[in-house]
Amino acid sequence: MDDSKVLAERFEANRAHLRAVAYRMLGSVSEADDAVQEAWLRLSRSDTSGVDNLAGWLTTVVARVCLDMLRSRQSRREEPLGVQESVPTTDGDNGIDPEHEALLADSVGLALLVVLDTLAPAERLAFVLHDLFAVPFEEIAPILGRSSTAARQLASRARRRVQGADTDSGGDASRQRQVVEAFLAAARGGDFAALLELLDPDVMLRADGAAVLSGAMREVQGAEAVAGTFSGRARAAKAALIDGAAGLVWSVGGRPQVVFSFTITDGKIVQIEMVADPDHLAQLELADLEDPGG
């Protein structure tokens, strides 16, 4: 089999993922397909013999293409393409699978796309890649031409807007703290039922590379699985503010070893991010909260 055919097959194996990334970035199936096609053209013109992680390389390329498209859209002062355009009514003659497009739209949700359309291009990219696809900030930063800290701040700002919480919204911050503290108490006490009450049915727990090397699973999905991961544990963790948002920190000798950040929507935990990378931890702004466990 010649090299070009192997490369094409490897690209096709990643197409669905790339399309999902592009769709969440752009909110338009036609534009997402254009971005994916551009990624293929760049791949076919590039020497990737030294690329160990082709999926990561392609994700970066698609992200750059989408960022350019978003900036171009903004500079022309165009209204972002609506969700109604993202699920075409055409048949399969154009190579479009209407059922797949409907699944794409359902997986993102109208409400999320509407909020994403209000974000600046850099905010949208940082949030989509990190929060939806678990791309590390160290990989996002070069795409934006900014530092990892700046990329993290962009994602944090976008996250607050997606959650419907302004930075100065005391009510939302208070509610988030209550949920996190209740989660910590239930975890320590091994109260499985209480944990389930706090978790969204489709909650996702994601761990960074350092946490995985320490024995954590990279991803755990579903309320029961996540509750089982925490039930009876987290005894050494403490409630803390992580970049201004309520979360949990496990420290040894006064030095943070693992941080758990939470994404909370409508009083339910929809995502928990476990961060153990020392460089990442050093960039976080941490402040102790009163320990609910006394």
C-alpha atoms as a PDB file:
ATOM      1  CA  MET A   1       0.000   0.000   0.000  1.00  0.00           C
ATOM      2  CA  ASP A   2       1.488   3.371  -1.023  1.00  0.00           C
ATOM      3  CA  ASP A   3       2.119   6.160   1.473  1.00  0.00           C
ATOM      4  CA  SER A   4      -0.624   8.443   0.153  1.00  0.00           C
ATOM      5  CA  LYS A   5      -3.266   5.764   0.646  1.00  0.00           C
ATOM      6  CA  VAL A   6      -2.042   5.047   4.184  1.00  0.00           C
ATOM      7  CA  LEU A   7      -2.156   8.754   4.976  1.00  0.00           C
ATOM      8  CA  ALA A   8      -5.686   9.027   3.589  1.00  0.00           C
ATOM      9  CA  GLU A   9      -6.836   6.098   5.701  1.00  0.00           C
ATOM     10  CA  ARG A  10      -5.303   7.591   8.833  1.00  0.00           C
ATOM     11  CA  PHE A  11      -7.039  10.878   8.083  1.00  0.00           C
ATOM     12  CA  GLU A  12     -10.385   9.156   7.593  1.00  0.00           C
ATOM     13  CA  ALA A  13      -9.953   7.436  10.954  1.00  0.00           C
ATOM     14  CA  ASN A  14      -9.795  10.897  12.540  1.00  0.00           C
ATOM     15  CA  ARG A  15     -12.443  12.616  10.413  1.00  0.00           C
ATOM     16  CA  ALA A  16     -15.340  12.214  12.862  1.00  0.00           C
ATOM     17  CA  HIS A  17     -13.301  13.688  15.717  1.00  0.00           C
ATOM     18  CA  LEU A  18     -12.066  16.578  13.573  1.00  0.00           C
ATOM     19  CA  ARG A  19     -15.594  17.294  12.385  1.00  0.00           C
ATOM     20  CA  ALA A  20     -16.852  17.358  15.960  1.00  0.00           C
ATOM     21  CA  VAL A  21     -14.124  19.823  16.953  1.00  0.00           C
ATOM     22  CA  ALA A  22     -14.809  22.051  13.956  1.00  0.00           C
ATOM     23  CA  TYR A  23     -18.567  21.966  14.470  1.00  0.00           C
ATOM     24  CA  ARG A  24     -18.303  23.052  18.079  1.00  0.00           C
ATOM     25  CA  MET A  25     -15.885  25.781  17.049  1.00  0.00           C
ATOM     26  CA  LEU A  26     -17.975  27.098  14.176  1.00  0.00           C
ATOM     27  CA  GLY A  27     -21.585  26.065  14.856  1.00  0.00           C
ATOM     28  CA  SER A  28     -22.059  25.247  11.179  1.00  0.00           C
ATOM     29  CA  VAL A  29     -21.827  21.880   9.470  1.00  0.00           C
ATOM     30  CA  SER A  30     -20.873  23.356   6.095  1.00  0.00           C
ATOM     31  CA  GLU A  31     -18.097  25.463   7.623  1.00  0.00           C
ATOM     32  CA  ALA A  32     -16.965  22.509   9.722  1.00  0.00           C
ATOM     33  CA  ASP A  33     -16.673  20.394   6.592  1.00  0.00           C
ATOM     34  CA  ASP A  34     -14.671  23.181   4.923  1.00  0.00           C
ATOM     35  CA  ALA A  35     -12.306  23.277   7.900  1.00  0.00           C
ATOM     36  CA  VAL A  36     -11.826  19.509   7.844  1.00  0.00           C
ATOM     37  CA  GLN A  37     -11.183  19.580   4.093  1.00  0.00           C
ATOM     38  CA  GLU A  38      -8.583  22.303   4.596  1.00  0.00           C
ATOM     39  CA  ALA A  39      -6.933  20.117   7.247  1.00  0.00           C
ATOM     40  CA  TRP A  40      -6.725  17.300   4.712  1.00  0.00           C
ATOM     41  CA  LEU A  41      -5.152  19.608   2.121  1.00  0.00           C
ATOM     42  CA  ARG A  42      -2.554  20.763   4.643  1.00  0.00           C
ATOM     43  CA  LEU A  43      -1.864  17.180   5.663  1.00  0.00           C
ATOM     44  CA  SER A  44      -1.399  16.062   2.068  1.00  0.00           C
ATOM     45  CA  ARG A  45       1.115  18.878   1.505  1.00  0.00           C
ATOM     46  CA  SER A  46       3.061  18.304   4.735  1.00  0.00           C
ATOM     47  CA  ASP A  47       5.836  15.966   5.750  1.00  0.00           C
ATOM     48  CA  THR A  48       4.392  14.189   8.781  1.00  0.00           C
ATOM     49  CA  SER A  49       7.029  11.473   9.004  1.00  0.00           C
ATOM     50  CA  GLY A  50       8.182  12.915  12.317  1.00  0.00           C
ATOM     51  CA  VAL A  51       4.678  13.319  13.763  1.00  0.00           C
ATOM     52  CA  ASP A  52       4.087  10.779  16.531  1.00  0.00           C
ATOM     53  CA  ASN A  53       0.537  11.889  17.360  1.00  0.00           C
ATOM     54  CA  LEU A  54      -1.279  12.464  14.080  1.00  0.00           C
ATOM     55  CA  ALA A  55      -4.644  12.955  15.809  1.00  0.00           C
ATOM     56  CA  GLY A  56      -3.181  15.737  17.938  1.00  0.00           C
ATOM     57  CA  TRP A  57      -1.467  17.287  14.916  1.00  0.00           C
ATOM     58  CA  LEU A  58      -4.711  17.288  12.945  1.00  0.00           C
ATOM     59  CA  THR A  59      -6.686  18.686  15.886  1.00  0.00           C
ATOM     60  CA  THR A  60      -4.225  21.586  16.062  1.00  0.00           C
ATOM     61  CA  VAL A  61      -4.511  22.210  12.329  1.00  0.00           C
ATOM     62  CA  VAL A  62      -8.321  22.199  12.444  1.00  0.00           C
ATOM     63  CA  ALA A  63      -8.278  24.501  15.453  1.00  0.00           C
ATOM     64  CA  ARG A  64      -6.047  26.982  13.634  1.00  0.00           C
ATOM     65  CA  VAL A  65      -8.267  26.888  10.556  1.00  0.00           C
ATOM     66  CA  CYS A  66     -11.387  27.411  12.660  1.00  0.00           C
ATOM     67  CA  LEU A  67      -9.762  30.281  14.550  1.00  0.00           C
ATOM     68  CA  ASP A  68      -8.961  31.998  11.265  1.00  0.00           C
ATOM     69  CA  MET A  69     -12.537  31.470  10.084  1.00  0.00           C
ATOM     70  CA  LEU A  70     -13.973  32.876  13.307  1.00  0.00           C
ATOM     71  CA  ARG A  71     -11.729  35.923  13.131  1.00  0.00           C
ATOM     72  CA  SER A  72     -12.634  36.474   9.502  1.00  0.00           C
ATOM     73  CA  ARG A  73     -16.310  36.165  10.365  1.00  0.00           C
ATOM     74  CA  GLN A  74     -15.893  38.697  13.166  1.00  0.00           C
ATOM     75  CA  SER A  75     -13.909  41.141  11.041  1.00  0.00           C
ATOM     76  CA  ARG A  76     -16.680  41.118   8.432  1.00  0.00           C
ATOM     77  CA  ARG A  77     -19.154  41.743  11.260  1.00  0.00           C
ATOM     78  CA  GLU A  78     -21.201  38.798  10.132  1.00  0.00           C
ATOM     79  CA  GLU A  79     -23.773  37.257  12.362  1.00  0.00           C
ATOM     80  CA  PRO A  80     -22.629  33.755  13.395  1.00  0.00           C
ATOM     81  CA  LEU A  81     -24.332  31.097  11.340  1.00  0.00           C
ATOM     82  CA  GLY A  82     -27.389  29.788  13.103  1.00  0.00           C
ATOM     83  CA  VAL A  83     -28.025  26.274  14.306  1.00  0.00           C
ATOM     84  CA  GLN A  84     -30.779  25.854  11.731  1.00  0.00           C
ATOM     85  CA  GLU A  85     -28.077  25.846   9.046  1.00  0.00           C
ATOM     86  CA  SER A  86     -26.105  23.217  10.901  1.00  0.00           C
ATOM     87  CA  VAL A  87     -28.546  20.394  10.242  1.00  0.00           C
ATOM     88  CA  PRO A  88     -29.070  20.424   6.465  1.00  0.00           C
ATOM     89  CA  THR A  89     -32.202  18.996   4.941  1.00  0.00           C
ATOM     90  CA  THR A  90     -30.419  17.693   1.867  1.00  0.00           C
ATOM     91  CA  ASP A  91     -30.180  14.026   1.132  1.00  0.00           C
ATOM     92  CA  GLY A  92     -27.075  11.897   0.878  1.00  0.00           C
ATOM     93  CA  ASP A  93     -26.270  12.995  -2.704  1.00  0.00           C
ATOM     94  CA  ASN A  94     -23.808  15.565  -1.381  1.00  0.00           C
ATOM     95  CA  GLY A  95     -22.104  13.085   0.904  1.00  0.00           C
ATOM     96  CA  ILE A  96     -23.980  14.482   3.918  1.00  0.00           C
ATOM     97  CA  ASP A  97     -25.615  12.101   6.349  1.00  0.00           C
ATOM     98  CA  PRO A  98     -28.665  13.935   7.787  1.00  0.00           C
ATOM     99  CA  GLU A  99     -28.901  11.494  10.689  1.00  0.00           C
ATOM    100  CA  HIS A 100     -25.277  12.171  11.614  1.00  0.00           C
ATOM    101  CA  GLU A 101     -25.864  15.929  11.420  1.00  0.00           C
ATOM    102  CA  ALA A 102     -28.841  15.617  13.741  1.00  0.00           C
ATOM    103  CA  LEU A 103     -26.719  13.690  16.217  1.00  0.00           C
ATOM    104  CA  LEU A 104     -24.053  16.391  16.000  1.00  0.00           C
ATOM    105  CA  ALA A 105     -26.586  19.101  16.759  1.00  0.00           C
ATOM    106  CA  ASP A 106     -28.045  17.137  19.665  1.00  0.00           C
ATOM    107  CA  SER A 107     -24.599  16.500  21.114  1.00  0.00           C
ATOM    108  CA  VAL A 108     -23.825  20.206  21.242  1.00  0.00           C
ATOM    109  CA  GLY A 109     -27.230  21.599  22.076  1.00  0.00           C
ATOM    110  CA  LEU A 110     -28.850  24.803  20.914  1.00  0.00           C
ATOM    111  CA  ALA A 111     -28.249  26.608  24.201  1.00  0.00           C
ATOM    112  CA  LEU A 112     -24.503  25.915  24.146  1.00  0.00           C
ATOM    113  CA  LEU A 113     -24.128  27.005  20.528  1.00  0.00           C
ATOM    114  CA  VAL A 114     -25.985  30.241  21.246  1.00  0.00           C
ATOM    115  CA  VAL A 115     -23.637  31.025  24.133  1.00  0.00           C
ATOM    116  CA  LEU A 116     -20.546  29.989  22.178  1.00  0.00           C
ATOM    117  CA  ASP A 117     -21.528  32.445  19.468  1.00  0.00           C
ATOM    118  CA  THR A 118     -21.205  35.279  21.998  1.00  0.00           C
ATOM    119  CA  LEU A 119     -17.583  34.426  22.809  1.00  0.00           C
ATOM    120  CA  ALA A 120     -14.540  36.022  21.248  1.00  0.00           C
ATOM    121  CA  PRO A 121     -12.707  33.660  18.871  1.00  0.00           C
ATOM    122  CA  ALA A 122      -9.824  33.049  21.290  1.00  0.00           C
ATOM    123  CA  GLU A 123     -12.223  32.382  24.181  1.00  0.00           C
ATOM    124  CA  ARG A 124     -14.240  29.979  22.094  1.00  0.00           C
ATOM    125  CA  LEU A 125     -11.184  28.049  20.961  1.00  0.00           C
ATOM    126  CA  ALA A 126      -9.737  27.779  24.464  1.00  0.00           C
ATOM    127  CA  PHE A 127     -13.042  26.625  25.930  1.00  0.00           C
ATOM    128  CA  VAL A 128     -13.946  24.168  23.181  1.00  0.00           C
ATOM    129  CA  LEU A 129     -10.549  22.501  22.992  1.00  0.00           C
ATOM    130  CA  HIS A 130      -9.987  22.308  26.744  1.00  0.00           C
ATOM    131  CA  ASP A 131     -13.432  21.771  28.248  1.00  0.00           C
ATOM    132  CA  LEU A 132     -15.016  19.712  25.472  1.00  0.00           C
ATOM    133  CA  PHE A 133     -12.001  17.828  24.131  1.00  0.00           C
ATOM    134  CA  ALA A 134      -9.559  17.857  27.076  1.00  0.00           C
ATOM    135  CA  VAL A 135      -6.709  19.401  25.089  1.00  0.00           C
ATOM    136  CA  PRO A 136      -4.061  20.661  27.563  1.00  0.00           C
ATOM    137  CA  PHE A 137      -3.522  24.416  27.787  1.00  0.00           C
ATOM    138  CA  GLU A 138       0.122  23.833  26.891  1.00  0.00           C
ATOM    139  CA  GLU A 139      -1.056  22.691  23.451  1.00  0.00           C
ATOM    140  CA  ILE A 140      -3.741  25.380  23.124  1.00  0.00           C
ATOM    141  CA  ALA A 141      -1.367  28.253  23.904  1.00  0.00           C
ATOM    142  CA  PRO A 142       0.734  28.018  20.683  1.00  0.00           C
ATOM    143  CA  ILE A 143      -2.433  27.966  18.568  1.00  0.00           C
ATOM    144  CA  LEU A 144      -3.515  31.256  20.138  1.00  0.00           C
ATOM    145  CA  GLY A 145      -0.014  32.698  20.231  1.00  0.00           C
ATOM    146  CA  ARG A 146      -0.346  33.243  23.980  1.00  0.00           C
ATOM    147  CA  SER A 147       0.996  31.754  27.185  1.00  0.00           C
ATOM    148  CA  SER A 148      -0.558  28.730  28.876  1.00  0.00           C
ATOM    149  CA  THR A 149      -1.715  31.007  31.684  1.00  0.00           C
ATOM    150  CA  ALA A 150      -3.447  33.339  29.238  1.00  0.00           C
ATOM    151  CA  ALA A 151      -5.106  30.388  27.483  1.00  0.00           C
ATOM    152  CA  ARG A 152      -6.342  29.082  30.825  1.00  0.00           C
ATOM    153  CA  GLN A 153      -7.761  32.502  31.694  1.00  0.00           C
ATOM    154  CA  LEU A 154      -9.574  32.687  28.361  1.00  0.00           C
ATOM    155  CA  ALA A 155     -11.145  29.280  28.955  1.00  0.00           C
ATOM    156  CA  SER A 156     -12.084  30.227  32.503  1.00  0.00           C
ATOM    157  CA  ARG A 157     -13.790  33.411  31.329  1.00  0.00           C
ATOM    158  CA  ALA A 158     -15.608  31.517  28.592  1.00  0.00           C
ATOM    159  CA  ARG A 159     -16.641  28.819  31.068  1.00  0.00           C
ATOM    160  CA  ARG A 160     -18.271  31.370  33.349  1.00  0.00           C
ATOM    161  CA  ARG A 161     -20.246  32.768  30.432  1.00  0.00           C
ATOM    162  CA  VAL A 162     -21.290  29.306  29.277  1.00  0.00           C
ATOM    163  CA  GLN A 163     -22.462  28.545  32.795  1.00  0.00           C
ATOM    164  CA  GLY A 164     -24.476  31.755  32.757  1.00  0.00           C
ATOM    165  CA  ALA A 165     -22.485  33.226  35.652  1.00  0.00           C
ATOM    166  CA  ASP A 166     -20.933  36.667  35.484  1.00  0.00           C
ATOM    167  CA  THR A 167     -17.667  37.112  37.312  1.00  0.00           C
ATOM    168  CA  ASP A 168     -19.360  39.297  39.886  1.00  0.00           C
ATOM    169  CA  SER A 169     -22.413  37.107  40.346  1.00  0.00           C
ATOM    170  CA  GLY A 170     -22.341  36.361  44.059  1.00  0.00           C
ATOM    171  CA  GLY A 171     -25.411  34.142  43.945  1.00  0.00           C
ATOM    172  CA  ASP A 172     -23.932  31.794  41.373  1.00  0.00           C
ATOM    173  CA  ALA A 173     -20.593  31.670  43.178  1.00  0.00           C
ATOM    174  CA  SER A 174     -22.326  30.894  46.445  1.00  0.00           C
ATOM    175  CA  ARG A 175     -24.394  28.137  44.836  1.00  0.00           C
ATOM    176  CA  GLN A 176     -21.292  26.608  43.262  1.00  0.00           C
ATOM    177  CA  ARG A 177     -19.532  26.608  46.602  1.00  0.00           C
ATOM    178  CA  GLN A 178     -22.504  24.886  48.244  1.00  0.00           C
ATOM    179  CA  VAL A 179     -22.490  22.156  45.602  1.00  0.00           C
ATOM    180  CA  VAL A 180     -18.733  21.578  45.892  1.00  0.00           C
ATOM    181  CA  GLU A 181     -18.824  21.477  49.684  1.00  0.00           C
ATOM    182  CA  ALA A 182     -21.773  19.076  49.609  1.00  0.00           C
ATOM    183  CA  PHE A 183     -19.838  16.914  47.152  1.00  0.00           C
ATOM    184  CA  LEU A 184     -16.791  16.885  49.427  1.00  0.00           C
ATOM    185  CA  ALA A 185     -18.885  15.951  52.469  1.00  0.00           C
ATOM    186  CA  ALA A 186     -20.629  13.145  50.583  1.00  0.00           C
ATOM    187  CA  ALA A 187     -17.324  11.832  49.224  1.00  0.00           C
ATOM    188  CA  ARG A 188     -15.705  11.787  52.650  1.00  0.00           C
ATOM    189  CA  GLY A 189     -18.699  10.128  54.221  1.00  0.00           C
ATOM    190  CA  GLY A 190     -19.091   7.528  51.490  1.00  0.00           C
ATOM    191  CA  ASP A 191     -22.654   8.739  50.858  1.00  0.00           C
ATOM    192  CA  PHE A 192     -23.140   7.270  47.390  1.00  0.00           C
ATOM    193  CA  ALA A 193     -26.767   8.418  47.109  1.00  0.00           C
ATOM    194  CA  ALA A 194     -25.857  11.998  47.981  1.00  0.00           C
ATOM    195  CA  LEU A 195     -23.120  11.980  45.359  1.00  0.00           C
ATOM    196  CA  LEU A 196     -25.579  10.794  42.724  1.00  0.00           C
ATOM    197  CA  GLU A 197     -27.918  13.655  43.631  1.00  0.00           C
ATOM    198  CA  LEU A 198     -25.151  16.169  42.961  1.00  0.00           C
ATOM    199  CA  LEU A 199     -23.920  14.666  39.690  1.00  0.00           C
ATOM    200  CA  ASP A 200     -25.416  15.099  36.253  1.00  0.00           C
ATOM    201  CA  PRO A 201     -26.265  11.667  34.784  1.00  0.00           C
ATOM    202  CA  ASP A 202     -23.684  12.227  32.029  1.00  0.00           C
ATOM    203  CA  VAL A 203     -21.016  13.821  34.221  1.00  0.00           C
ATOM    204  CA  MET A 204     -17.453  13.485  32.948  1.00  0.00           C
ATOM    205  CA  LEU A 205     -14.341  13.164  35.114  1.00  0.00           C
ATOM    206  CA  ARG A 206     -11.149  13.950  33.209  1.00  0.00           C
ATOM    207  CA  ALA A 207      -7.581  13.585  34.454  1.00  0.00           C
ATOM    208  CA  ASP A 208      -4.491  15.198  32.986  1.00  0.00           C
ATOM    209  CA  GLY A 209      -1.418  13.226  31.982  1.00  0.00           C
ATOM    210  CA  ALA A 210       0.297  13.610  35.354  1.00  0.00           C
ATOM    211  CA  ALA A 211      -2.757  12.294  37.205  1.00  0.00           C
ATOM    212  CA  VAL A 212      -2.969   9.346  34.815  1.00  0.00           C
ATOM    213  CA  LEU A 213       0.659   8.486  35.499  1.00  0.00           C
ATOM    214  CA  SER A 214      -0.227   8.466  39.204  1.00  0.00           C
ATOM    215  CA  GLY A 215      -2.918   5.865  38.620  1.00  0.00           C
ATOM    216  CA  ALA A 216      -6.024   7.866  37.725  1.00  0.00           C
ATOM    217  CA  MET A 217      -8.177   6.932  34.743  1.00  0.00           C
ATOM    218  CA  ARG A 218      -8.038   9.485  31.962  1.00  0.00           C
ATOM    219  CA  GLU A 219     -11.826   9.617  31.652  1.00  0.00           C
ATOM    220  CA  VAL A 220     -14.701   8.372  33.768  1.00  0.00           C
ATOM    221  CA  GLN A 221     -18.216   9.079  32.536  1.00  0.00           C
ATOM    222  CA  GLY A 222     -21.608   8.707  34.141  1.00  0.00           C
ATOM    223  CA  ALA A 223     -22.920   9.548  37.589  1.00  0.00           C
ATOM    224  CA  GLU A 224     -22.573   6.073  39.073  1.00  0.00           C
ATOM    225  CA  ALA A 225     -19.003   5.599  37.832  1.00  0.00           C
ATOM    226  CA  VAL A 226     -17.887   9.039  39.011  1.00  0.00           C
ATOM    227  CA  ALA A 227     -19.657   8.628  42.359  1.00  0.00           C
ATOM    228  CA  GLY A 228     -17.905   5.294  42.805  1.00  0.00           C
ATOM    229  CA  THR A 229     -14.552   6.949  42.109  1.00  0.00           C
ATOM    230  CA  PHE A 230     -15.020   9.482  44.928  1.00  0.00           C
ATOM    231  CA  SER A 231     -17.198   7.659  47.449  1.00  0.00           C
ATOM    232  CA  GLY A 232     -15.346   7.174  50.733  1.00  0.00           C
ATOM    233  CA  ARG A 233     -12.355   9.126  49.486  1.00  0.00           C
ATOM    234  CA  ALA A 234     -11.157  12.740  49.269  1.00  0.00           C
ATOM    235  CA  ARG A 235     -10.575  12.769  53.042  1.00  0.00           C
ATOM    236  CA  ALA A 236      -7.404  14.811  52.657  1.00  0.00           C
ATOM    237  CA  ALA A 237      -8.890  17.219  50.131  1.00  0.00           C
ATOM    238  CA  LYS A 238     -10.001  20.692  51.116  1.00  0.00           C
ATOM    239  CA  ALA A 239     -12.413  23.154  49.553  1.00  0.00           C
ATOM    240  CA  ALA A 240     -10.621  25.999  47.801  1.00  0.00           C
ATOM    241  CA  LEU A 241     -11.080  28.756  45.284  1.00  0.00           C
ATOM    242  CA  ILE A 242      -9.390  27.837  42.015  1.00  0.00           C
ATOM    243  CA  ASP A 243      -9.062  30.894  39.805  1.00  0.00           C
ATOM    244  CA  GLY A 244     -12.020  32.310  41.708  1.00  0.00           C
ATOM    245  CA  ALA A 245     -14.256  29.251  41.356  1.00  0.00           C
ATOM    246  CA  ALA A 246     -15.018  26.711  44.084  1.00  0.00           C
ATOM    247  CA  GLY A 247     -13.092  23.459  43.810  1.00  0.00           C
ATOM    248  CA  LEU A 248     -11.023  20.967  45.792  1.00  0.00           C
ATOM    249  CA  VAL A 249      -7.300  20.809  46.496  1.00  0.00           C
ATOM    250  CA  TRP A 250      -5.236  17.936  47.884  1.00  0.00           C
ATOM    251  CA  SER A 251      -1.958  19.155  49.337  1.00  0.00           C
ATOM    252  CA  VAL A 252       1.070  17.511  50.921  1.00  0.00           C
ATOM    253  CA  GLY A 253       3.259  19.589  53.194  1.00  0.00           C
ATOM    254  CA  GLY A 254       1.340  22.680  52.205  1.00  0.00           C
ATOM    255  CA  ARG A 255       2.048  22.156  48.493  1.00  0.00           C
ATOM    256  CA  PRO A 256      -0.859  21.379  46.133  1.00  0.00           C
ATOM    257  CA  GLN A 257      -0.535  17.955  44.528  1.00  0.00           C
ATOM    258  CA  VAL A 258      -3.916  17.595  42.843  1.00  0.00           C
ATOM    259  CA  VAL A 259      -6.639  20.118  42.073  1.00  0.00           C
ATOM    260  CA  PHE A 260     -10.231  19.248  41.198  1.00  0.00           C
ATOM    261  CA  SER A 261     -12.127  21.923  39.289  1.00  0.00           C
ATOM    262  CA  PHE A 262     -15.876  21.672  38.719  1.00  0.00           C
ATOM    263  CA  THR A 263     -18.243  22.710  35.975  1.00  0.00           C
ATOM    264  CA  ILE A 264     -21.717  23.107  37.456  1.00  0.00           C
ATOM    265  CA  THR A 265     -24.932  23.720  35.544  1.00  0.00           C
ATOM    266  CA  ASP A 266     -28.349  24.094  37.154  1.00  0.00           C
ATOM    267  CA  GLY A 267     -26.989  22.845  40.467  1.00  0.00           C
ATOM    268  CA  LYS A 268     -25.558  19.648  38.955  1.00  0.00           C
ATOM    269  CA  ILE A 269     -21.906  18.794  38.446  1.00  0.00           C
ATOM    270  CA  VAL A 270     -21.415  18.145  34.730  1.00  0.00           C
ATOM    271  CA  GLN A 271     -17.614  17.936  34.647  1.00  0.00           C
ATOM    272  CA  ILE A 272     -14.729  17.458  37.058  1.00  0.00           C
ATOM    273  CA  GLU A 273     -11.181  18.133  35.929  1.00  0.00           C
ATOM    274  CA  MET A 274      -8.320  16.522  37.842  1.00  0.00           C
ATOM    275  CA  VAL A 275      -5.050  18.434  37.456  1.00  0.00           C
ATOM    276  CA  ALA A 276      -1.763  17.097  38.823  1.00  0.00           C
ATOM    277  CA  ASP A 277       0.785  18.562  36.426  1.00  0.00           C
ATOM    278  CA  PRO A 278       3.188  20.671  38.563  1.00  0.00           C
ATOM    279  CA  ASP A 279       3.630  23.375  35.920  1.00  0.00           C
ATOM    280  CA  HIS A 280      -0.128  23.708  35.518  1.00  0.00           C
ATOM    281  CA  LEU A 281      -0.659  23.756  39.271  1.00  0.00           C
ATOM    282  CA  ALA A 282       1.905  26.536  39.623  1.00  0.00           C
ATOM    283  CA  GLN A 283      -0.149  28.717  37.280  1.00  0.00           C
ATOM    284  CA  LEU A 284      -3.374  28.362  39.250  1.00  0.00           C
ATOM    285  CA  GLU A 285      -4.557  30.997  41.677  1.00  0.00           C
ATOM    286  CA  LEU A 286      -5.559  29.061  44.800  1.00  0.00           C
ATOM    287  CA  ALA A 287      -7.206  30.295  47.989  1.00  0.00           C
ATOM    288  CA  ASP A 288      -8.401  28.165  50.886  1.00  0.00           C
ATOM    289  CA  LEU A 289     -12.062  28.052  51.800  1.00  0.00           C
ATOM    290  CA  GLU A 290     -13.339  27.127  55.215  1.00  0.00           C
ATOM    291  CA  ASP A 291     -13.141  23.343  55.450  1.00  0.00           C
ATOM    292  CA  PRO A 292     -16.749  22.072  55.630  1.00  0.00           C
ATOM    293  CA  GLY A 293     -15.522  18.983  57.398  1.00  0.00           C
ATOM    294  CA  GLY A 294     -14.162  21.079  60.274  1.00  0.00           C
END
